[in-house]
Amino acid sequence: MTFRRAGAAAVLLAALAVTARTTCTVYNLVDEGLTQEEWLRPDLVEIFPGLVASGVREVLVVPVQFLADHLEVLYDLDVAAAQQARAAGLGYHRIAMPNSDPHFIRALADVARVTEASLLHSVS
């Protein structure tokens, strides 16, 4: 999983043509909700002080594991993580989620059609 997310981050940075000194690191979230199981570490709050110490002043959170705004995005990231970043001295930013963007929905429909065709072909 980490490799795939790291690859996605590299594609994003290339698409943005990032020229400033950029540190791109893939971190996992810790589920602060009601589940019994903890997500992979480190939590964002654990990394913010180290980023500040290394000279980072702004963070852009790209939660590629989520496709829509929901509890983990709207509260855990937009409220809790943003407050933790500001408390550590960082500017905090998060990309917008695709939600129901028409391009995203068309891409999902394309994947569904290809998968359906593949499944139908493998059964016949």
N, C-alpha and C. Protein backbone atom coordinates (compact mmCIF):
# COMPACT_ATOMS: atom_id res chain seq x y z
N MET A 1 0.82 -1.20 0.00
CA MET A 1 0.00 0.00 0.00
C MET A 1 0.86 1.26 0.00
N THR A 2 1.87 1.28 0.82
CA THR A 2 2.70 2.48 0.90
C THR A 2 3.31 2.81 -0.45
N PHE A 3 3.77 1.78 -1.17
CA PHE A 3 4.36 2.02 -2.49
C PHE A 3 3.36 2.68 -3.41
N ARG A 4 2.12 2.19 -3.41
CA ARG A 4 1.12 2.77 -4.29
C ARG A 4 0.83 4.21 -3.92
N ARG A 5 0.74 4.51 -2.63
CA ARG A 5 0.49 5.88 -2.21
C ARG A 5 1.69 6.77 -2.51
N ALA A 6 2.89 6.23 -2.32
CA ALA A 6 4.09 7.01 -2.64
C ALA A 6 4.14 7.30 -4.13
N GLY A 7 3.75 6.33 -4.94
CA GLY A 7 3.69 6.54 -6.39
C GLY A 7 2.68 7.61 -6.76
N ALA A 8 1.53 7.58 -6.09
CA ALA A 8 0.51 8.59 -6.34
C ALA A 8 1.02 9.98 -5.98
N ALA A 9 1.75 10.07 -4.88
CA ALA A 9 2.32 11.36 -4.47
C ALA A 9 3.31 11.86 -5.51
N ALA A 10 4.14 10.98 -6.04
CA ALA A 10 5.12 11.38 -7.05
C ALA A 10 4.41 11.88 -8.32
N VAL A 11 3.35 11.20 -8.72
CA VAL A 11 2.57 11.63 -9.89
C VAL A 11 1.96 13.00 -9.64
N LEU A 12 1.42 13.21 -8.45
CA LEU A 12 0.82 14.50 -8.11
C LEU A 12 1.85 15.61 -8.18
N LEU A 13 3.02 15.41 -7.58
CA LEU A 13 4.05 16.44 -7.60
C LEU A 13 4.52 16.73 -9.02
N ALA A 14 4.65 15.69 -9.84
CA ALA A 14 5.06 15.90 -11.23
C ALA A 14 3.99 16.70 -11.99
N ALA A 15 2.72 16.37 -11.76
CA ALA A 15 1.63 17.08 -12.43
C ALA A 15 1.57 18.54 -12.02
N LEU A 16 1.92 18.82 -10.77
CA LEU A 16 1.91 20.19 -10.28
C LEU A 16 3.16 20.95 -10.69
N ALA A 17 4.14 20.24 -11.23
CA ALA A 17 5.43 20.83 -11.61
C ALA A 17 6.01 21.61 -10.43
N VAL A 18 6.07 20.96 -9.30
CA VAL A 18 6.58 21.58 -8.08
C VAL A 18 8.05 21.90 -8.25
N THR A 19 8.39 23.17 -8.05
CA THR A 19 9.78 23.58 -8.22
C THR A 19 10.42 23.99 -6.90
N ALA A 20 9.63 24.36 -5.92
CA ALA A 20 10.19 24.75 -4.62
C ALA A 20 10.71 23.51 -3.91
N ARG A 21 11.54 23.74 -2.88
CA ARG A 21 12.01 22.59 -2.09
C ARG A 21 10.78 21.91 -1.49
N THR A 22 10.63 20.67 -1.84
CA THR A 22 9.44 19.95 -1.44
C THR A 22 9.83 18.64 -0.78
N THR A 23 9.24 18.38 0.34
CA THR A 23 9.40 17.09 1.00
C THR A 23 8.09 16.36 0.82
N CYS A 24 8.17 15.20 0.20
CA CYS A 24 6.96 14.42 -0.01
C CYS A 24 7.12 13.11 0.75
N THR A 25 6.31 12.94 1.73
CA THR A 25 6.38 11.74 2.54
C THR A 25 4.98 11.17 2.68
N VAL A 26 4.90 9.87 2.63
CA VAL A 26 3.61 9.21 2.78
C VAL A 26 3.45 8.79 4.23
N TYR A 27 2.39 9.27 4.84
CA TYR A 27 2.09 8.92 6.22
C TYR A 27 0.70 8.31 6.27
N ASN A 28 0.48 7.50 7.23
CA ASN A 28 -0.82 6.89 7.44
C ASN A 28 -1.51 7.59 8.60
N LEU A 29 -2.83 7.57 8.53
CA LEU A 29 -3.61 8.17 9.60
C LEU A 29 -3.84 7.17 10.72
N VAL A 30 -4.00 7.67 11.90
CA VAL A 30 -4.42 6.84 13.02
C VAL A 30 -5.91 7.11 13.21
N ASP A 31 -6.70 6.07 13.23
CA ASP A 31 -8.14 6.23 13.38
C ASP A 31 -8.45 6.66 14.81
N GLU A 32 -9.00 7.85 14.95
CA GLU A 32 -9.35 8.36 16.27
C GLU A 32 -10.81 8.06 16.60
N GLY A 33 -11.47 7.30 15.72
CA GLY A 33 -12.89 7.04 15.91
C GLY A 33 -13.17 5.92 16.89
N LEU A 34 -14.26 5.25 16.70
CA LEU A 34 -14.73 4.27 17.65
C LEU A 34 -14.29 2.85 17.32
N THR A 35 -13.48 2.67 16.28
CA THR A 35 -13.06 1.32 15.92
C THR A 35 -12.09 0.78 16.95
N GLN A 36 -12.04 -0.53 17.08
CA GLN A 36 -11.15 -1.19 18.02
C GLN A 36 -9.71 -1.24 17.51
N GLU A 37 -9.55 -1.14 16.21
CA GLU A 37 -8.23 -1.31 15.62
C GLU A 37 -7.60 0.04 15.29
N GLU A 38 -6.33 0.14 15.56
CA GLU A 38 -5.59 1.36 15.26
C GLU A 38 -5.06 1.27 13.83
N TRP A 39 -5.08 2.37 13.13
CA TRP A 39 -4.51 2.41 11.80
C TRP A 39 -2.99 2.45 11.93
N LEU A 40 -2.34 2.41 10.80
CA LEU A 40 -0.88 2.45 10.81
C LEU A 40 -0.38 3.80 11.30
N ARG A 41 0.79 3.80 11.88
CA ARG A 41 1.40 5.01 12.41
C ARG A 41 2.47 5.48 11.46
N PRO A 42 2.96 6.67 11.53
CA PRO A 42 2.71 7.66 12.58
C PRO A 42 1.47 8.49 12.29
N ASP A 43 0.92 9.06 13.34
CA ASP A 43 -0.18 10.00 13.23
C ASP A 43 0.39 11.35 12.81
N LEU A 44 -0.41 12.16 12.16
CA LEU A 44 0.06 13.48 11.72
C LEU A 44 0.62 14.31 12.86
N VAL A 45 -0.02 14.27 14.03
CA VAL A 45 0.43 15.07 15.16
C VAL A 45 1.86 14.67 15.58
N GLU A 46 2.23 13.43 15.32
CA GLU A 46 3.57 12.98 15.66
C GLU A 46 4.62 13.50 14.69
N ILE A 47 4.21 13.85 13.49
CA ILE A 47 5.18 14.28 12.48
C ILE A 47 5.36 15.79 12.41
N PHE A 48 4.34 16.53 12.79
CA PHE A 48 4.40 17.98 12.64
C PHE A 48 5.62 18.62 13.30
N PRO A 49 5.97 18.28 14.54
CA PRO A 49 7.15 18.91 15.16
C PRO A 49 8.44 18.66 14.37
N GLY A 50 8.61 17.45 13.86
CA GLY A 50 9.80 17.14 13.07
C GLY A 50 9.85 17.91 11.77
N LEU A 51 8.70 18.12 11.16
CA LEU A 51 8.66 18.91 9.93
C LEU A 51 9.09 20.35 10.22
N VAL A 52 8.55 20.92 11.30
CA VAL A 52 8.92 22.29 11.68
C VAL A 52 10.42 22.36 11.96
N ALA A 53 10.94 21.38 12.69
CA ALA A 53 12.37 21.36 13.03
C ALA A 53 13.25 21.29 11.79
N SER A 54 12.73 20.68 10.72
CA SER A 54 13.52 20.56 9.50
C SER A 54 13.32 21.74 8.55
N GLY A 55 12.56 22.75 9.00
CA GLY A 55 12.40 23.96 8.20
C GLY A 55 11.14 24.03 7.37
N VAL A 56 10.29 23.04 7.45
CA VAL A 56 9.03 23.06 6.70
C VAL A 56 8.10 24.08 7.35
N ARG A 57 7.42 24.86 6.54
CA ARG A 57 6.50 25.88 7.07
C ARG A 57 5.05 25.65 6.65
N GLU A 58 4.85 24.88 5.61
CA GLU A 58 3.50 24.61 5.09
C GLU A 58 3.37 23.13 4.81
N VAL A 59 2.19 22.58 5.06
CA VAL A 59 1.92 21.19 4.69
C VAL A 59 0.69 21.14 3.80
N LEU A 60 0.74 20.27 2.83
CA LEU A 60 -0.41 19.98 1.97
C LEU A 60 -0.76 18.52 2.19
N VAL A 61 -1.94 18.29 2.72
CA VAL A 61 -2.39 16.93 2.99
C VAL A 61 -3.18 16.46 1.78
N VAL A 62 -2.78 15.31 1.26
CA VAL A 62 -3.42 14.71 0.09
C VAL A 62 -3.88 13.31 0.52
N PRO A 63 -5.10 13.21 1.04
CA PRO A 63 -5.58 11.93 1.55
C PRO A 63 -6.05 11.02 0.41
N VAL A 64 -5.09 10.42 -0.29
CA VAL A 64 -5.42 9.62 -1.48
C VAL A 64 -6.23 8.37 -1.14
N GLN A 65 -6.31 8.01 0.12
CA GLN A 65 -7.09 6.84 0.48
C GLN A 65 -8.58 7.15 0.58
N PHE A 66 -8.95 8.42 0.46
CA PHE A 66 -10.35 8.82 0.54
C PHE A 66 -10.77 9.48 -0.77
N LEU A 67 -12.01 9.24 -1.17
CA LEU A 67 -12.53 9.81 -2.41
C LEU A 67 -13.61 10.86 -2.18
N ALA A 68 -14.09 10.94 -0.97
CA ALA A 68 -15.19 11.86 -0.69
C ALA A 68 -15.04 12.44 0.72
N ASP A 69 -15.66 13.59 0.92
CA ASP A 69 -15.68 14.20 2.25
C ASP A 69 -16.54 13.33 3.17
N HIS A 70 -15.99 12.96 4.29
CA HIS A 70 -16.72 12.22 5.32
C HIS A 70 -16.01 12.48 6.63
N LEU A 71 -16.34 11.73 7.68
CA LEU A 71 -15.86 12.03 9.02
C LEU A 71 -14.34 12.17 9.10
N GLU A 72 -13.59 11.20 8.55
CA GLU A 72 -12.13 11.27 8.66
C GLU A 72 -11.56 12.49 7.95
N VAL A 73 -12.21 12.93 6.90
CA VAL A 73 -11.72 14.10 6.17
C VAL A 73 -12.20 15.38 6.84
N LEU A 74 -13.49 15.48 7.07
CA LEU A 74 -14.06 16.73 7.57
C LEU A 74 -13.70 17.03 9.01
N TYR A 75 -13.58 16.02 9.85
CA TYR A 75 -13.20 16.31 11.23
C TYR A 75 -11.73 15.99 11.48
N ASP A 76 -11.33 14.73 11.27
CA ASP A 76 -9.98 14.33 11.63
C ASP A 76 -8.91 15.16 10.91
N LEU A 77 -9.16 15.50 9.65
CA LEU A 77 -8.17 16.30 8.91
C LEU A 77 -8.46 17.80 8.99
N ASP A 78 -9.67 18.20 8.61
CA ASP A 78 -9.97 19.63 8.52
C ASP A 78 -10.05 20.34 9.86
N VAL A 79 -10.37 19.62 10.92
CA VAL A 79 -10.46 20.25 12.23
C VAL A 79 -9.26 19.85 13.09
N ALA A 80 -9.18 18.57 13.45
CA ALA A 80 -8.15 18.13 14.40
C ALA A 80 -6.73 18.29 13.84
N ALA A 81 -6.46 17.77 12.67
CA ALA A 81 -5.10 17.86 12.12
C ALA A 81 -4.73 19.31 11.82
N ALA A 82 -5.69 20.09 11.33
CA ALA A 82 -5.40 21.50 11.04
C ALA A 82 -5.03 22.24 12.32
N GLN A 83 -5.75 21.98 13.42
CA GLN A 83 -5.42 22.61 14.70
C GLN A 83 -4.04 22.17 15.18
N GLN A 84 -3.74 20.89 15.03
CA GLN A 84 -2.45 20.37 15.46
C GLN A 84 -1.31 20.98 14.63
N ALA A 85 -1.54 21.14 13.34
CA ALA A 85 -0.52 21.75 12.48
C ALA A 85 -0.27 23.19 12.90
N ARG A 86 -1.34 23.95 13.09
CA ARG A 86 -1.19 25.35 13.51
C ARG A 86 -0.49 25.45 14.86
N ALA A 87 -0.82 24.55 15.79
CA ALA A 87 -0.18 24.56 17.10
C ALA A 87 1.32 24.28 16.99
N ALA A 88 1.70 23.50 15.98
CA ALA A 88 3.13 23.19 15.77
C ALA A 88 3.83 24.30 14.97
N GLY A 89 3.06 25.27 14.46
CA GLY A 89 3.65 26.36 13.70
C GLY A 89 3.63 26.16 12.20
N LEU A 90 2.76 25.29 11.71
CA LEU A 90 2.67 25.00 10.28
C LEU A 90 1.42 25.60 9.67
N GLY A 91 1.54 26.04 8.43
CA GLY A 91 0.36 26.36 7.64
C GLY A 91 -0.21 25.04 7.14
N TYR A 92 -1.51 24.89 7.17
CA TYR A 92 -2.15 23.62 6.84
C TYR A 92 -3.07 23.79 5.64
N HIS A 93 -2.95 22.86 4.69
CA HIS A 93 -3.80 22.88 3.50
C HIS A 93 -4.17 21.44 3.17
N ARG A 94 -5.34 21.25 2.59
CA ARG A 94 -5.77 19.93 2.13
C ARG A 94 -6.42 20.07 0.77
N ILE A 95 -6.14 19.09 -0.10
CA ILE A 95 -6.77 19.13 -1.41
C ILE A 95 -8.27 18.87 -1.27
N ALA A 96 -9.03 19.30 -2.25
CA ALA A 96 -10.46 19.01 -2.28
C ALA A 96 -10.66 17.56 -2.72
N MET A 97 -11.67 16.92 -2.17
CA MET A 97 -11.99 15.55 -2.54
C MET A 97 -12.80 15.53 -3.83
N PRO A 98 -12.68 14.47 -4.63
CA PRO A 98 -13.42 14.40 -5.88
C PRO A 98 -14.94 14.41 -5.70
N ASN A 99 -15.43 13.80 -4.61
CA ASN A 99 -16.86 13.74 -4.33
C ASN A 99 -17.65 13.36 -5.58
N SER A 100 -18.49 14.24 -6.08
CA SER A 100 -19.32 13.91 -7.24
C SER A 100 -18.89 14.69 -8.49
N ASP A 101 -17.62 15.06 -8.55
CA ASP A 101 -17.11 15.74 -9.74
C ASP A 101 -17.41 14.89 -10.98
N PRO A 102 -17.97 15.48 -12.04
CA PRO A 102 -18.35 14.71 -13.23
C PRO A 102 -17.18 13.92 -13.85
N HIS A 103 -15.99 14.47 -13.85
CA HIS A 103 -14.84 13.73 -14.40
C HIS A 103 -14.55 12.49 -13.56
N PHE A 104 -14.64 12.63 -12.26
CA PHE A 104 -14.40 11.51 -11.36
C PHE A 104 -15.47 10.43 -11.54
N ILE A 105 -16.72 10.85 -11.62
CA ILE A 105 -17.82 9.89 -11.79
C ILE A 105 -17.68 9.16 -13.12
N ARG A 106 -17.30 9.86 -14.19
CA ARG A 106 -17.08 9.19 -15.48
C ARG A 106 -15.95 8.17 -15.38
N ALA A 107 -14.88 8.54 -14.67
CA ALA A 107 -13.76 7.61 -14.51
C ALA A 107 -14.20 6.36 -13.74
N LEU A 108 -15.00 6.54 -12.68
CA LEU A 108 -15.51 5.39 -11.94
C LEU A 108 -16.40 4.52 -12.83
N ALA A 109 -17.24 5.16 -13.62
CA ALA A 109 -18.11 4.41 -14.53
C ALA A 109 -17.28 3.63 -15.54
N ASP A 110 -16.20 4.23 -16.05
CA ASP A 110 -15.32 3.53 -16.99
C ASP A 110 -14.70 2.29 -16.34
N VAL A 111 -14.24 2.44 -15.11
CA VAL A 111 -13.66 1.30 -14.39
C VAL A 111 -14.71 0.22 -14.20
N ALA A 112 -15.92 0.60 -13.83
CA ALA A 112 -16.99 -0.37 -13.62
C ALA A 112 -17.31 -1.11 -14.92
N ARG A 113 -17.37 -0.40 -16.05
CA ARG A 113 -17.65 -1.04 -17.33
C ARG A 113 -16.55 -2.02 -17.73
N VAL A 114 -15.30 -1.62 -17.56
CA VAL A 114 -14.18 -2.50 -17.90
C VAL A 114 -14.19 -3.75 -17.01
N THR A 115 -14.44 -3.55 -15.73
CA THR A 115 -14.49 -4.68 -14.79
C THR A 115 -15.64 -5.61 -15.14
N GLU A 116 -16.79 -5.04 -15.43
CA GLU A 116 -17.95 -5.86 -15.79
C GLU A 116 -17.65 -6.67 -17.04
N ALA A 117 -17.07 -6.04 -18.07
CA ALA A 117 -16.74 -6.75 -19.30
C ALA A 117 -15.75 -7.88 -19.04
N SER A 118 -14.76 -7.62 -18.19
CA SER A 118 -13.76 -8.63 -17.85
C SER A 118 -14.41 -9.81 -17.12
N LEU A 119 -15.29 -9.51 -16.18
CA LEU A 119 -15.98 -10.58 -15.43
C LEU A 119 -16.87 -11.39 -16.35
N LEU A 120 -17.61 -10.72 -17.23
CA LEU A 120 -18.48 -11.43 -18.16
C LEU A 120 -17.68 -12.31 -19.11
N HIS A 121 -16.53 -11.81 -19.54
CA HIS A 121 -15.67 -12.56 -20.45
C HIS A 121 -15.10 -13.79 -19.74
N SER A 122 -14.73 -13.65 -18.48
CA SER A 122 -14.12 -14.77 -17.76
C SER A 122 -15.14 -15.86 -17.42
N VAL A 123 -16.43 -15.52 -17.38
CA VAL A 123 -17.47 -16.49 -17.07
C VAL A 123 -17.91 -17.23 -18.31
N SER A 124 -17.81 -16.60 -19.47
CA SER A 124 -18.30 -17.24 -20.70
C SER A 124 -17.29 -18.12 -21.36
